[in-house]
Amino acid sequence: MVNFIKRDKTDIFGMPILGFLFKNQKFLWLLRIVVFSLFFYATYYGFYNQSSENIFTSAIFWSLFWPFFMVVTLSTFGRIFCGICPHGFIGKYITKFGLKKKIPNFLNNKAIGITILFIGWWFIYYMFPSFYKTPFATALLFLVLSLIAIVFYFLYDEMAYCKVICPIGTVTRAFSKVSFTKLETYTQECSSCKTFDCVKACSYNLKPFSFAKKNSMEECTLCMDCSSACEAVAFKVKKPSFSLFSKFKVNKAEVWTLILLTAAISITMSFHHALGRSAIVEEFIWVKTARYFESFINFGLVDTIGLFAFLYAVFFSLLFSVGGIYIASKIMKLPFEKSFYTLGYAFAPLFIIGGLSHIAEFFFYSYASNIVNGFIQAFSLDMQYIKPLATRKDKWVHIFNIFNHIGYLWAFIILIGRLKLLETKRVLKVVAFPFAASLIIFYMGLNFYKGYVFKTYGVYKHNHTQHTKAK
């Protein structure tokens, strides 16, 4: 155990304000209590007030937790939300007196979490867009997840729920690689260590002193418990996406997470929510397909346009990612699997950086007002409700589209770096590059196409919600 250390200038723990925010255990414990309380109260409030007038429950989960605690922090500081997550917070205490069994092999599959998120959330979301937005459904969703988490924490050791089952766990592991921070240790001080206090403090049974050598933080959730056990633990600022330019042990579930979430969020929302507002909405293939099937099938409450926009987005994403890298692997004369799981990490910026465009715009369109008004409502504050900070007529908001362009440009750069990790002739890599980058090129082209469509044809003049449900 090290009690004092002279920290590098890049070590966040040594910075006056950030060091306190990320390392002070009393502050972190208080922050976890606050987040847990908001989580619990928002869930309770969703059952207590199930009417559409309840804006607090949705504001906490969909305007605060998801956009800011997930997307914004993942693209910058990494998995810090996992460090203050309500489930992880209670899980550490439940695990201490639980049964501490090893999780069975059939459950020890990281694909479970992303499958739950991809199908249980996004697939249902596009078919029934208003379902999860109701206070009751939101509260029920997180109550069920909480009960599942409690059972897993009690039965199994090493925070198995966080590692395997949590729908957000694989997402944060995969996309946090875009960030510019890394937890590691000071090598010289660790070389003579015999107590391994950082390991003993870790609820996930990780070895922080091995992170630098592996170029991976593995399952680390940045809870910072190890930093309180030994001063040799550091939280350093690195170059953005630093780990993606070097070798590390790839995780297949992470690569599929990058592709599937890019399809489910970035591509589908461009199809359905963005191009769906254009004056030529009826001309798109997902709309024409929906209209065709509506002519002889009664879909009831299903949003058919949303459903087919989702299915087409998934199809195109798989076609360009899997198909593109397959052709690239043949050109480079390398095994497809090695090429796919090495190069697939280059897709990470498309959603997590490109998604900042959507987050920033909707902060002004609705998130800010929803959060403030939600707190006013839930805590009966003597304040006036505020209006949205901007509307879709405010053109200045579109400045945040710059993040879409940064997303695909950074993906191109990472792809070049990942190609360098493959052992083949340089000329073959150059020829294979556009094929390996097919999904990135498609994402880039889609962004330019959206701009062209709205500039050329304009916005659909009638209510979009009514339009998408028209039969």
Protein backbone atom coordinates (compact mmCIF):
# COMPACT_ATOMS: atom_id res chain seq x y z
CA MET A 1 0.00 0.00 0.00
CA VAL A 2 1.26 3.49 -0.93
CA ASN A 3 0.21 6.39 1.30
CA PHE A 4 1.64 9.28 -0.71
CA ILE A 5 2.70 9.83 -4.29
CA LYS A 6 3.74 12.74 -6.48
CA ARG A 7 1.16 12.67 -9.24
CA ASP A 8 1.70 13.42 -12.93
CA LYS A 9 0.17 16.52 -14.45
CA THR A 10 -2.17 14.29 -16.45
CA ASP A 11 -3.48 12.54 -13.33
CA ILE A 12 -7.02 13.77 -12.62
CA PHE A 13 -6.67 12.72 -8.98
CA GLY A 14 -4.01 15.43 -8.60
CA MET A 15 -6.13 18.21 -10.10
CA PRO A 16 -7.74 20.58 -7.55
CA ILE A 17 -11.44 20.33 -8.47
CA LEU A 18 -11.61 17.20 -10.62
CA GLY A 19 -9.51 15.30 -8.09
CA PHE A 20 -12.11 15.97 -5.43
CA LEU A 21 -15.03 15.05 -7.70
CA PHE A 22 -13.52 11.73 -8.80
CA LYS A 23 -11.57 10.60 -5.75
CA ASN A 24 -13.12 11.91 -2.56
CA GLN A 25 -15.02 8.91 -1.18
CA LYS A 26 -17.39 10.97 0.99
CA PHE A 27 -18.44 13.05 -2.00
CA LEU A 28 -18.84 9.95 -4.19
CA TRP A 29 -20.91 8.22 -1.51
CA LEU A 30 -23.15 11.29 -1.21
CA LEU A 31 -23.49 11.47 -4.99
CA ARG A 32 -24.51 7.80 -5.11
CA ILE A 33 -27.11 8.42 -2.41
CA VAL A 34 -28.55 11.33 -4.39
CA VAL A 35 -28.67 9.34 -7.65
CA PHE A 36 -30.17 6.32 -5.88
CA SER A 37 -32.79 8.53 -4.23
CA LEU A 38 -33.75 10.12 -7.54
CA PHE A 39 -33.92 6.66 -9.14
CA PHE A 40 -36.11 5.27 -6.35
CA TYR A 41 -38.37 8.32 -6.14
CA ALA A 42 -38.83 8.56 -9.93
CA THR A 43 -39.80 4.87 -10.02
CA TYR A 44 -42.23 5.30 -7.09
CA TYR A 45 -43.66 8.47 -8.63
CA GLY A 46 -44.33 6.60 -11.88
CA PHE A 47 -46.66 4.23 -10.02
CA TYR A 48 -48.10 6.94 -7.79
CA ASN A 49 -48.93 9.33 -10.61
CA GLN A 50 -49.59 7.32 -13.78
CA SER A 51 -51.25 10.15 -15.69
CA SER A 52 -49.67 11.93 -18.65
CA GLU A 53 -49.26 14.95 -16.38
CA ASN A 54 -46.37 13.18 -14.63
CA ILE A 55 -43.29 14.59 -16.35
CA PHE A 56 -40.85 13.84 -13.51
CA THR A 57 -40.45 10.08 -14.06
CA SER A 58 -39.72 10.40 -17.76
CA ALA A 59 -37.50 13.45 -17.20
CA ILE A 60 -35.24 11.59 -14.76
CA PHE A 61 -34.74 8.50 -16.91
CA TRP A 62 -34.99 9.83 -20.48
CA SER A 63 -33.91 13.47 -20.16
CA LEU A 64 -31.24 13.18 -17.45
CA PHE A 65 -29.90 9.67 -16.85
CA TRP A 66 -29.71 8.41 -20.45
CA PRO A 67 -28.53 11.47 -22.42
CA PHE A 68 -26.20 13.08 -19.90
CA PHE A 69 -25.10 10.35 -17.49
CA MET A 70 -24.62 7.93 -20.38
CA VAL A 71 -23.93 9.45 -23.81
CA VAL A 72 -22.11 12.61 -22.69
CA THR A 73 -19.97 10.98 -20.01
CA LEU A 74 -19.12 7.87 -22.07
CA SER A 75 -17.67 9.97 -24.87
CA THR A 76 -15.56 12.00 -22.44
CA PHE A 77 -14.64 10.51 -19.05
CA GLY A 78 -15.73 6.92 -19.75
CA ARG A 79 -17.83 4.62 -17.55
CA ILE A 80 -18.30 7.05 -14.68
CA PHE A 81 -22.05 6.52 -14.61
CA CYS A 82 -21.45 2.87 -13.75
CA GLY A 83 -19.50 4.16 -10.75
CA ILE A 84 -22.58 5.94 -9.37
CA CYS A 85 -25.24 3.60 -10.80
CA PRO A 86 -28.01 2.83 -8.28
CA HIS A 87 -27.87 -0.88 -9.08
CA GLY A 88 -24.12 -1.08 -8.62
CA PHE A 89 -24.39 0.97 -5.43
CA ILE A 90 -26.79 -1.42 -3.70
CA GLY A 91 -25.17 -4.42 -5.37
CA LYS A 92 -21.92 -4.03 -3.46
CA TYR A 93 -23.78 -4.29 -0.16
CA ILE A 94 -26.06 -7.16 -1.25
CA THR A 95 -23.11 -9.17 -2.56
CA LYS A 96 -21.35 -9.02 0.82
CA PHE A 97 -24.02 -11.13 2.53
CA GLY A 98 -25.19 -13.01 -0.58
CA LEU A 99 -24.54 -16.62 -1.55
CA LYS A 100 -21.43 -15.72 -3.61
CA LYS A 101 -21.95 -18.48 -6.16
CA LYS A 102 -20.20 -18.55 -9.52
CA ILE A 103 -22.52 -17.53 -12.32
CA PRO A 104 -23.52 -20.56 -14.47
CA ASN A 105 -21.91 -20.85 -17.90
CA PHE A 106 -25.23 -20.50 -19.73
CA LEU A 107 -25.70 -17.07 -18.12
CA ASN A 108 -22.08 -16.00 -18.38
CA ASN A 109 -22.53 -14.47 -21.82
CA LYS A 110 -22.05 -10.76 -22.40
CA ALA A 111 -24.36 -10.90 -25.40
CA ILE A 112 -27.31 -11.23 -23.00
CA GLY A 113 -27.18 -7.60 -21.94
CA ILE A 114 -27.07 -6.13 -25.43
CA THR A 115 -29.81 -8.52 -26.60
CA ILE A 116 -32.09 -7.29 -23.81
CA LEU A 117 -31.41 -3.68 -24.75
CA PHE A 118 -31.65 -4.18 -28.52
CA ILE A 119 -34.88 -6.19 -28.52
CA GLY A 120 -36.44 -5.39 -25.14
CA TRP A 121 -36.04 -1.67 -25.59
CA TRP A 122 -35.31 -0.44 -29.14
CA PHE A 123 -37.35 -2.99 -31.10
CA ILE A 124 -40.37 -2.36 -28.90
CA TYR A 125 -39.72 1.39 -28.82
CA TYR A 126 -40.05 1.78 -32.61
CA MET A 127 -43.15 -0.43 -32.80
CA PHE A 128 -44.89 1.25 -29.86
CA PRO A 129 -43.16 4.66 -29.55
CA SER A 130 -45.39 5.91 -26.75
CA PHE A 131 -45.23 2.75 -24.60
CA TYR A 132 -42.05 3.37 -22.62
CA LYS A 133 -42.77 7.09 -22.47
CA THR A 134 -45.69 6.59 -20.11
CA PRO A 135 -44.80 7.05 -16.42
CA PHE A 136 -46.18 3.63 -15.48
CA ALA A 137 -44.26 1.73 -18.19
CA THR A 138 -41.03 3.55 -17.36
CA ALA A 139 -41.42 2.82 -13.65
CA LEU A 140 -42.33 -0.82 -14.32
CA LEU A 141 -39.32 -1.29 -16.60
CA PHE A 142 -36.84 -0.08 -14.01
CA LEU A 143 -38.58 -1.89 -11.17
CA VAL A 144 -38.25 -5.19 -13.06
CA LEU A 145 -34.57 -4.48 -13.85
CA SER A 146 -33.97 -3.63 -10.20
CA LEU A 147 -35.52 -6.87 -8.98
CA ILE A 148 -33.46 -8.89 -11.47
CA ALA A 149 -30.33 -7.04 -10.36
CA ILE A 150 -31.03 -7.73 -6.67
CA VAL A 151 -31.50 -11.46 -7.32
CA PHE A 152 -28.25 -11.70 -9.30
CA TYR A 153 -26.30 -9.71 -6.69
CA PHE A 154 -27.56 -12.01 -3.95
CA LEU A 155 -26.91 -15.26 -5.82
CA TYR A 156 -23.61 -14.62 -7.58
CA ASP A 157 -20.27 -13.08 -6.72
CA GLU A 158 -18.05 -10.47 -8.37
CA MET A 159 -20.98 -8.25 -9.36
CA ALA A 160 -22.12 -10.72 -12.02
CA TYR A 161 -25.19 -8.65 -12.92
CA CYS A 162 -23.04 -5.66 -13.89
CA LYS A 163 -20.61 -7.80 -15.85
CA VAL A 164 -23.08 -9.89 -17.83
CA ILE A 165 -26.81 -9.18 -17.49
CA CYS A 166 -27.05 -5.39 -17.20
CA PRO A 167 -28.38 -3.99 -20.52
CA ILE A 168 -26.15 -0.95 -20.09
CA GLY A 169 -23.02 -2.84 -19.01
CA THR A 170 -21.84 -3.99 -22.43
CA VAL A 171 -22.79 -0.61 -23.89
CA THR A 172 -20.60 1.27 -21.44
CA ARG A 173 -17.70 -1.18 -21.86
CA ALA A 174 -17.76 -0.82 -25.64
CA PHE A 175 -18.35 2.89 -26.10
CA SER A 176 -16.15 4.04 -23.20
CA LYS A 177 -13.15 3.14 -25.35
CA VAL A 178 -13.78 6.41 -27.21
CA SER A 179 -13.12 8.44 -24.04
CA PHE A 180 -9.90 10.20 -23.05
CA THR A 181 -9.37 8.82 -19.53
CA LYS A 182 -7.89 5.65 -18.07
CA LEU A 183 -7.61 4.15 -14.61
CA GLU A 184 -4.18 2.62 -14.03
CA THR A 185 -1.38 2.66 -11.45
CA TYR A 186 2.11 4.08 -11.08
CA THR A 187 4.27 1.14 -12.20
CA GLN A 188 7.33 1.91 -10.10
CA GLU A 189 5.37 2.07 -6.86
CA CYS A 190 3.49 -1.14 -7.69
CA SER A 191 6.60 -3.13 -8.53
CA SER A 192 7.43 -3.79 -4.87
CA CYS A 193 3.84 -4.14 -3.63
CA LYS A 194 3.04 -7.25 -1.60
CA THR A 195 -0.34 -6.32 -0.11
CA PHE A 196 -2.41 -5.77 -3.29
CA ASP A 197 -4.82 -3.45 -1.48
CA CYS A 198 -6.26 -2.15 -4.76
CA VAL A 199 -7.33 -5.68 -5.69
CA LYS A 200 -8.83 -6.35 -2.26
CA ALA A 201 -10.87 -3.15 -2.52
CA CYS A 202 -12.32 -4.06 -5.94
CA SER A 203 -15.80 -5.60 -5.81
CA TYR A 204 -15.26 -6.91 -9.34
CA ASN A 205 -12.06 -8.78 -8.43
CA LEU A 206 -9.98 -6.78 -10.91
CA LYS A 207 -6.27 -5.93 -10.85
CA PRO A 208 -5.81 -2.21 -11.58
CA PHE A 209 -2.02 -2.62 -11.78
CA SER A 210 -2.50 -4.80 -14.89
CA PHE A 211 -4.65 -2.35 -16.85
CA ALA A 212 -1.75 -0.50 -18.50
CA LYS A 213 -0.04 -3.67 -19.69
CA LYS A 214 -3.29 -5.12 -21.08
CA ASN A 215 -4.32 -1.79 -22.65
CA SER A 216 -7.74 -2.49 -21.16
CA MET A 217 -9.65 -1.65 -17.99
CA GLU A 218 -11.67 -4.86 -18.41
CA GLU A 219 -14.84 -4.67 -16.29
CA CYS A 220 -13.79 -1.56 -14.34
CA THR A 221 -16.76 0.73 -13.63
CA LEU A 222 -14.67 3.61 -12.27
CA CYS A 223 -16.23 3.28 -8.83
CA MET A 224 -12.84 4.49 -7.49
CA ASP A 225 -12.86 2.15 -4.49
CA CYS A 226 -9.31 1.09 -5.34
CA SER A 227 -8.12 4.71 -5.26
CA SER A 228 -9.06 4.96 -1.60
CA ALA A 229 -7.14 1.77 -0.80
CA CYS A 230 -3.84 2.83 -2.38
CA GLU A 231 -2.45 6.17 -3.55
CA ALA A 232 -0.60 4.47 -6.42
CA VAL A 233 -3.89 4.27 -8.34
CA ALA A 234 -4.19 7.00 -10.96
CA PHE A 235 -6.94 8.32 -13.20
CA LYS A 236 -5.14 9.84 -16.15
CA VAL A 237 -6.07 11.96 -19.13
CA LYS A 238 -5.05 10.24 -22.35
CA LYS A 239 -5.40 10.89 -26.05
CA PRO A 240 -9.01 10.37 -27.20
CA SER A 241 -9.72 6.71 -28.01
CA PHE A 242 -6.11 5.89 -27.05
CA SER A 243 -6.73 2.17 -26.48
CA LEU A 244 -8.24 1.68 -29.93
CA PHE A 245 -4.93 2.44 -31.63
CA SER A 246 -3.13 -0.43 -29.89
CA LYS A 247 -3.73 -4.12 -29.40
CA PHE A 248 -5.99 -5.44 -26.65
CA LYS A 249 -8.08 -8.54 -26.11
CA VAL A 250 -11.16 -7.99 -28.24
CA ASN A 251 -14.63 -8.76 -26.97
CA LYS A 252 -17.04 -10.00 -29.62
CA ALA A 253 -20.10 -8.74 -27.77
CA GLU A 254 -18.63 -5.24 -27.73
CA VAL A 255 -18.21 -5.12 -31.50
CA TRP A 256 -21.79 -6.29 -32.05
CA THR A 257 -22.93 -3.68 -29.53
CA LEU A 258 -21.24 -0.94 -31.56
CA ILE A 259 -22.92 -2.08 -34.77
CA LEU A 260 -26.38 -2.82 -33.38
CA LEU A 261 -26.70 0.41 -31.41
CA THR A 262 -25.48 2.42 -34.37
CA ALA A 263 -28.27 0.75 -36.35
CA ALA A 264 -30.95 1.05 -33.65
CA ILE A 265 -30.20 4.64 -32.66
CA SER A 266 -28.17 6.61 -35.19
CA ILE A 267 -29.45 5.06 -38.43
CA THR A 268 -33.06 4.36 -37.42
CA MET A 269 -33.53 7.84 -35.97
CA SER A 270 -32.13 9.34 -39.16
CA PHE A 271 -34.64 7.31 -41.15
CA HIS A 272 -37.70 7.69 -38.94
CA HIS A 273 -37.29 10.83 -36.85
CA ALA A 274 -35.22 12.99 -39.21
CA LEU A 275 -36.18 12.05 -42.78
CA GLY A 276 -39.65 11.25 -41.45
CA ARG A 277 -40.16 15.00 -41.05
CA SER A 278 -39.30 15.78 -44.68
CA ALA A 279 -41.80 16.68 -47.39
CA ILE A 280 -40.93 13.53 -49.37
CA VAL A 281 -41.42 11.13 -46.46
CA GLU A 282 -43.69 8.87 -48.52
CA GLU A 283 -40.90 8.23 -51.03
CA PHE A 284 -38.57 6.36 -48.69
CA ILE A 285 -38.35 2.59 -48.92
CA TRP A 286 -39.27 1.93 -45.28
CA VAL A 287 -42.42 4.05 -45.66
CA LYS A 288 -43.38 2.39 -48.95
CA THR A 289 -42.84 -1.04 -47.40
CA ALA A 290 -45.02 -0.08 -44.42
CA ARG A 291 -47.78 1.19 -46.69
CA TYR A 292 -47.64 -2.02 -48.75
CA PHE A 293 -48.07 -4.32 -45.75
CA GLU A 294 -50.73 -2.02 -44.25
CA SER A 295 -52.81 -2.61 -47.38
CA PHE A 296 -53.55 -6.19 -46.37
CA ILE A 297 -52.47 -6.54 -42.72
CA ASN A 298 -54.04 -4.79 -39.74
CA PHE A 299 -51.11 -3.85 -37.49
CA GLY A 300 -53.33 -2.36 -34.81
CA LEU A 301 -51.37 -0.04 -32.53
CA VAL A 302 -48.01 -0.84 -34.14
CA ASP A 303 -46.18 2.09 -35.71
CA THR A 304 -45.45 0.33 -39.00
CA ILE A 305 -43.19 3.06 -40.35
CA GLY A 306 -41.11 2.95 -37.18
CA LEU A 307 -40.95 -0.85 -37.37
CA PHE A 308 -39.73 -0.96 -40.96
CA ALA A 309 -37.38 1.99 -40.47
CA PHE A 310 -35.78 -0.05 -37.69
CA LEU A 311 -35.62 -3.25 -39.76
CA TYR A 312 -34.11 -1.47 -42.77
CA ALA A 313 -31.59 0.32 -40.55
CA VAL A 314 -30.47 -2.98 -39.06
CA PHE A 315 -30.29 -4.58 -42.51
CA PHE A 316 -28.19 -1.79 -44.01
CA SER A 317 -25.93 -1.63 -40.97
CA LEU A 318 -25.24 -5.36 -41.07
CA LEU A 319 -24.80 -5.29 -44.84
CA PHE A 320 -22.24 -2.50 -44.78
CA SER A 321 -20.38 -3.60 -41.63
CA VAL A 322 -20.28 -7.38 -42.05
CA GLY A 323 -20.33 -7.38 -45.83
CA GLY A 324 -17.81 -4.57 -46.14
CA ILE A 325 -15.29 -6.13 -43.77
CA TYR A 326 -15.82 -9.54 -45.38
CA ILE A 327 -14.75 -8.14 -48.75
CA ALA A 328 -11.88 -6.27 -47.06
CA SER A 329 -10.68 -9.50 -45.41
CA LYS A 330 -10.62 -11.25 -48.78
CA ILE A 331 -8.64 -8.40 -50.30
CA MET A 332 -6.13 -8.47 -47.42
CA LYS A 333 -6.04 -12.29 -47.48
CA LEU A 334 -6.81 -12.47 -43.77
CA PRO A 335 -9.38 -14.53 -41.80
CA PHE A 336 -12.74 -12.77 -41.72
CA GLU A 337 -13.25 -13.18 -37.97
CA LYS A 338 -9.89 -11.61 -37.12
CA SER A 339 -10.55 -8.72 -39.52
CA PHE A 340 -14.12 -8.18 -38.31
CA TYR A 341 -13.40 -8.06 -34.59
CA THR A 342 -10.27 -5.98 -35.07
CA LEU A 343 -11.75 -3.38 -37.40
CA GLY A 344 -15.27 -3.37 -35.92
CA TYR A 345 -14.15 -1.16 -33.04
CA ALA A 346 -13.73 1.69 -35.52
CA PHE A 347 -17.52 2.10 -35.57
CA ALA A 348 -17.60 3.29 -31.94
CA PRO A 349 -17.63 7.07 -32.66
CA LEU A 350 -20.64 6.91 -35.00
CA PHE A 351 -23.18 6.67 -32.21
CA ILE A 352 -21.37 7.92 -29.13
CA ILE A 353 -19.87 11.05 -30.72
CA GLY A 354 -22.44 11.51 -33.46
CA GLY A 355 -25.12 11.10 -30.80
CA LEU A 356 -23.93 14.26 -29.08
CA SER A 357 -25.63 16.15 -31.91
CA HIS A 358 -29.03 14.76 -30.92
CA ILE A 359 -28.35 15.22 -27.20
CA ALA A 360 -27.29 18.85 -27.60
CA GLU A 361 -30.24 19.76 -29.83
CA PHE A 362 -32.81 18.11 -27.60
CA PHE A 363 -31.30 19.70 -24.51
CA PHE A 364 -32.65 22.96 -25.89
CA TYR A 365 -35.79 21.44 -27.46
CA SER A 366 -37.02 19.53 -24.40
CA TYR A 367 -34.48 17.99 -21.99
CA ALA A 368 -33.72 21.15 -20.00
CA SER A 369 -37.36 22.16 -19.58
CA ASN A 370 -38.42 18.58 -18.81
CA ILE A 371 -35.82 18.23 -16.05
CA VAL A 372 -36.57 21.58 -14.41
CA ASN A 373 -40.34 21.22 -14.70
CA GLY A 374 -40.14 17.62 -13.50
CA PHE A 375 -38.40 18.66 -10.28
CA ILE A 376 -40.87 21.51 -9.80
CA GLN A 377 -43.72 19.03 -10.11
CA ALA A 378 -42.34 16.15 -8.04
CA PHE A 379 -41.11 18.28 -5.14
CA SER A 380 -43.94 20.86 -5.25
CA LEU A 381 -41.52 23.74 -5.68
CA ASP A 382 -42.94 27.25 -5.68
CA MET A 383 -41.66 28.07 -9.14
CA GLN A 384 -43.06 28.69 -12.59
CA TYR A 385 -42.66 26.03 -15.26
CA ILE A 386 -40.13 27.02 -17.88
CA LYS A 387 -40.55 26.81 -21.64
CA PRO A 388 -38.19 24.89 -23.94
CA LEU A 389 -35.01 26.85 -24.60
CA ALA A 390 -35.44 26.51 -28.36
CA THR A 391 -37.81 25.20 -31.04
CA ARG A 392 -37.16 23.46 -34.34
CA LYS A 393 -37.56 26.83 -36.04
CA ASP A 394 -34.38 28.06 -34.35
CA LYS A 395 -31.71 27.38 -36.94
CA TRP A 396 -28.82 28.08 -34.56
CA VAL A 397 -29.48 24.76 -32.82
CA HIS A 398 -28.33 22.94 -35.95
CA ILE A 399 -24.77 24.00 -35.18
CA PHE A 400 -24.58 20.85 -33.07
CA ASN A 401 -24.74 18.77 -36.27
CA ILE A 402 -20.97 19.24 -36.24
CA PHE A 403 -20.81 16.24 -33.90
CA ASN A 404 -22.16 13.98 -36.66
CA HIS A 405 -19.26 15.01 -38.88
CA ILE A 406 -16.74 14.63 -36.06
CA GLY A 407 -18.16 11.15 -35.44
CA TYR A 408 -17.48 9.74 -38.90
CA LEU A 409 -14.17 11.58 -39.32
CA TRP A 410 -12.92 10.12 -36.03
CA ALA A 411 -14.19 6.68 -37.08
CA PHE A 412 -12.10 6.94 -40.27
CA ILE A 413 -9.02 7.80 -38.20
CA ILE A 414 -9.58 4.89 -35.81
CA LEU A 415 -10.10 2.53 -38.75
CA ILE A 416 -6.71 3.54 -40.16
CA GLY A 417 -5.18 2.84 -36.75
CA ARG A 418 -6.92 -0.53 -36.47
CA LEU A 419 -5.79 -1.53 -39.96
CA LYS A 420 -2.19 -1.02 -38.85
CA LEU A 421 -2.71 -3.80 -36.30
CA LEU A 422 -3.35 -6.34 -39.07
CA GLU A 423 -0.34 -8.05 -40.58
CA THR A 424 -0.60 -7.82 -44.34
CA LYS A 425 0.79 -5.72 -47.19
CA ARG A 426 0.15 -1.98 -47.02
CA VAL A 427 -1.15 -1.82 -50.58
CA LEU A 428 -3.79 -4.43 -49.73
CA LYS A 429 -4.88 -2.36 -46.73
CA VAL A 430 -5.26 0.71 -48.95
CA VAL A 431 -7.43 -1.22 -51.42
CA ALA A 432 -9.46 -2.79 -48.58
CA PHE A 433 -10.01 0.49 -46.71
CA PRO A 434 -13.16 1.73 -48.51
CA PHE A 435 -14.80 -1.67 -48.09
CA ALA A 436 -13.90 -1.91 -44.40
CA ALA A 437 -15.23 1.65 -44.02
CA SER A 438 -18.56 0.91 -45.76
CA LEU A 439 -20.68 1.51 -42.65
CA ILE A 440 -18.82 4.74 -41.89
CA ILE A 441 -19.27 5.92 -45.48
CA PHE A 442 -22.97 5.04 -45.32
CA TYR A 443 -23.34 7.00 -42.07
CA MET A 444 -21.50 9.97 -43.60
CA GLY A 445 -23.59 9.88 -46.76
CA LEU A 446 -26.80 9.69 -44.75
CA ASN A 447 -25.89 12.88 -42.91
CA PHE A 448 -25.23 14.76 -46.15
CA TYR A 449 -28.39 13.30 -47.69
CA LYS A 450 -30.53 14.58 -44.80
CA GLY A 451 -29.18 18.07 -45.38
CA TYR A 452 -29.90 17.81 -49.10
CA VAL A 453 -33.47 16.57 -48.58
CA PHE A 454 -34.49 19.35 -46.20
CA LYS A 455 -32.80 22.03 -48.27
CA THR A 456 -34.40 20.80 -51.49
CA TYR A 457 -37.85 19.62 -50.40
CA GLY A 458 -38.42 21.15 -46.98
CA VAL A 459 -40.35 19.90 -43.97
CA TYR A 460 -43.62 17.98 -44.04
CA LYS A 461 -46.25 20.57 -43.13
CA HIS A 462 -48.73 18.39 -41.24
CA ASN A 463 -48.46 16.81 -37.79
CA HIS A 464 -45.76 14.13 -38.08
CA THR A 465 -47.30 11.85 -35.45
CA GLN A 466 -50.62 11.82 -37.23
CA HIS A 467 -48.87 11.27 -40.52
CA THR A 468 -46.93 8.22 -39.44
CA LYS A 469 -50.10 6.61 -38.11
CA ALA A 470 -52.21 7.37 -41.18
CA LYS A 471 -53.61 4.31 -42.84
